[in-house]
């Protein structure tokens, strides 16, 4: 059984609420006319925010469509400082971060 994008994001957001010292960056692609488009999504303190695509102003709506392909997830030290971001490990499969211990 495959988890939906909405359920995956909800699970990651729930874990992130308890880890205000962590940001999870998801990278992947979205299908688009003329070929796939890359996306980047940040999850911090229970919220998802796209840095590459517009999203609906509705926190109950997933920030990614079900057609999104998540290729990698990377844990960063939070709150994020774009001028000096600190990675806490190499990019991994996103399912790994459904385990709270992976956020250590």
Protein backbone atom coordinates (compact mmCIF):
# COMPACT_ATOMS: atom_id res chain seq x y z
CA UNK A 1 0.00 0.00 0.00
CA UNK A 2 1.38 3.38 -1.03
CA UNK A 3 0.91 6.43 1.18
CA UNK A 4 -0.69 9.46 -0.46
CA UNK A 5 1.25 12.70 -0.71
CA UNK A 6 -1.32 14.35 1.58
CA UNK A 7 -0.86 11.67 4.26
CA UNK A 8 2.93 11.79 3.93
CA UNK A 9 3.04 15.57 4.34
CA UNK A 10 0.59 15.41 7.27
CA UNK A 11 2.82 12.85 9.01
CA UNK A 12 5.98 14.88 8.46
CA UNK A 13 4.27 18.10 9.59
CA UNK A 14 3.05 16.37 12.77
CA UNK A 15 6.58 15.24 13.67
CA UNK A 16 8.02 18.68 12.85
CA UNK A 17 5.71 20.36 15.39
CA UNK A 18 7.78 18.78 18.14
CA UNK A 19 11.11 19.69 16.53
CA UNK A 20 11.33 23.49 16.20
CA UNK A 21 15.10 23.06 15.86
CA UNK A 22 14.75 21.16 12.55
CA UNK A 23 13.69 21.94 8.98
CA UNK A 24 13.01 19.17 6.48
CA UNK A 25 13.68 20.05 2.84
CA UNK A 26 11.97 17.93 0.19
CA UNK A 27 13.10 18.03 -3.42
CA UNK A 28 11.53 16.38 -6.40
CA UNK A 29 9.55 17.04 -9.54
CA UNK A 30 6.04 17.96 -10.60
CA UNK A 31 4.58 16.96 -13.96
CA UNK A 32 4.10 19.98 -16.21
CA UNK A 33 3.38 20.76 -19.81
CA UNK A 34 6.65 20.43 -21.69
CA UNK A 35 8.35 18.24 -19.08
CA UNK A 36 8.80 17.87 -15.36
CA UNK A 37 9.47 20.91 -13.17
CA UNK A 38 11.68 20.68 -10.08
CA UNK A 39 10.20 21.69 -6.73
CA UNK A 40 11.52 22.43 -3.27
CA UNK A 41 9.34 22.26 -0.16
CA UNK A 42 10.32 23.12 3.41
CA UNK A 43 8.58 21.64 6.47
CA UNK A 44 9.03 23.59 9.71
CA UNK A 45 7.01 23.70 12.94
CA UNK A 46 4.08 21.80 11.47
CA UNK A 47 3.76 23.68 8.18
CA UNK A 48 4.82 23.02 4.61
CA UNK A 49 5.99 25.89 2.45
CA UNK A 50 6.93 25.71 -1.20
CA UNK A 51 9.92 27.80 -2.22
CA UNK A 52 9.54 26.97 -5.91
CA UNK A 53 5.79 27.01 -6.68
CA UNK A 54 2.72 28.92 -5.51
CA UNK A 55 0.42 27.12 -3.08
CA UNK A 56 -3.15 27.67 -1.96
CA UNK A 57 -3.63 29.84 1.12
CA UNK A 58 -5.35 26.99 2.94
CA UNK A 59 -3.44 25.04 5.59
CA UNK A 60 -5.84 22.11 5.14
CA UNK A 61 -4.79 21.75 1.49
CA UNK A 62 -1.58 19.76 0.83
CA UNK A 63 1.29 21.88 -0.52
CA UNK A 64 2.02 19.24 -3.19
CA UNK A 65 -0.26 17.51 -5.67
CA UNK A 66 -0.63 13.73 -5.65
CA UNK A 67 1.37 13.64 -8.90
CA UNK A 68 4.49 15.01 -7.20
CA UNK A 69 7.55 12.77 -7.09
CA UNK A 70 9.66 13.32 -3.99
CA UNK A 71 13.22 12.35 -4.81
CA UNK A 72 15.10 13.31 -1.64
CA UNK A 73 14.64 14.69 1.86
CA UNK A 74 17.32 16.54 3.80
CA UNK A 75 17.29 17.53 7.45
CA UNK A 76 18.56 21.03 8.27
CA UNK A 77 19.20 22.89 11.49
CA UNK A 78 16.29 25.20 12.25
CA UNK A 79 15.25 27.86 12.20
CA UNK A 80 16.69 28.09 8.70
CA UNK A 81 19.26 30.78 7.95
CA UNK A 82 19.52 30.87 4.13
CA UNK A 83 22.90 32.64 4.32
CA UNK A 84 24.39 29.86 6.46
CA UNK A 85 22.18 26.79 6.34
CA UNK A 86 23.46 23.73 8.17
CA UNK A 87 22.71 20.27 6.82
CA UNK A 88 22.44 17.55 9.46
CA UNK A 89 23.16 14.69 7.06
CA UNK A 90 23.02 13.63 3.49
CA UNK A 91 19.76 13.57 1.51
CA UNK A 92 17.73 10.41 2.10
CA UNK A 93 14.43 8.82 1.13
CA UNK A 94 11.52 10.79 2.54
CA UNK A 95 9.94 7.73 4.24
CA UNK A 96 12.90 7.67 6.65
CA UNK A 97 11.66 10.92 8.22
CA UNK A 98 8.33 9.39 9.20
CA UNK A 99 10.35 7.93 12.09
CA UNK A 100 10.75 10.58 14.82
CA UNK A 101 14.25 9.26 15.62
CA UNK A 102 15.43 10.33 12.14
CA UNK A 103 14.93 13.96 13.20
CA UNK A 104 17.69 13.72 15.86
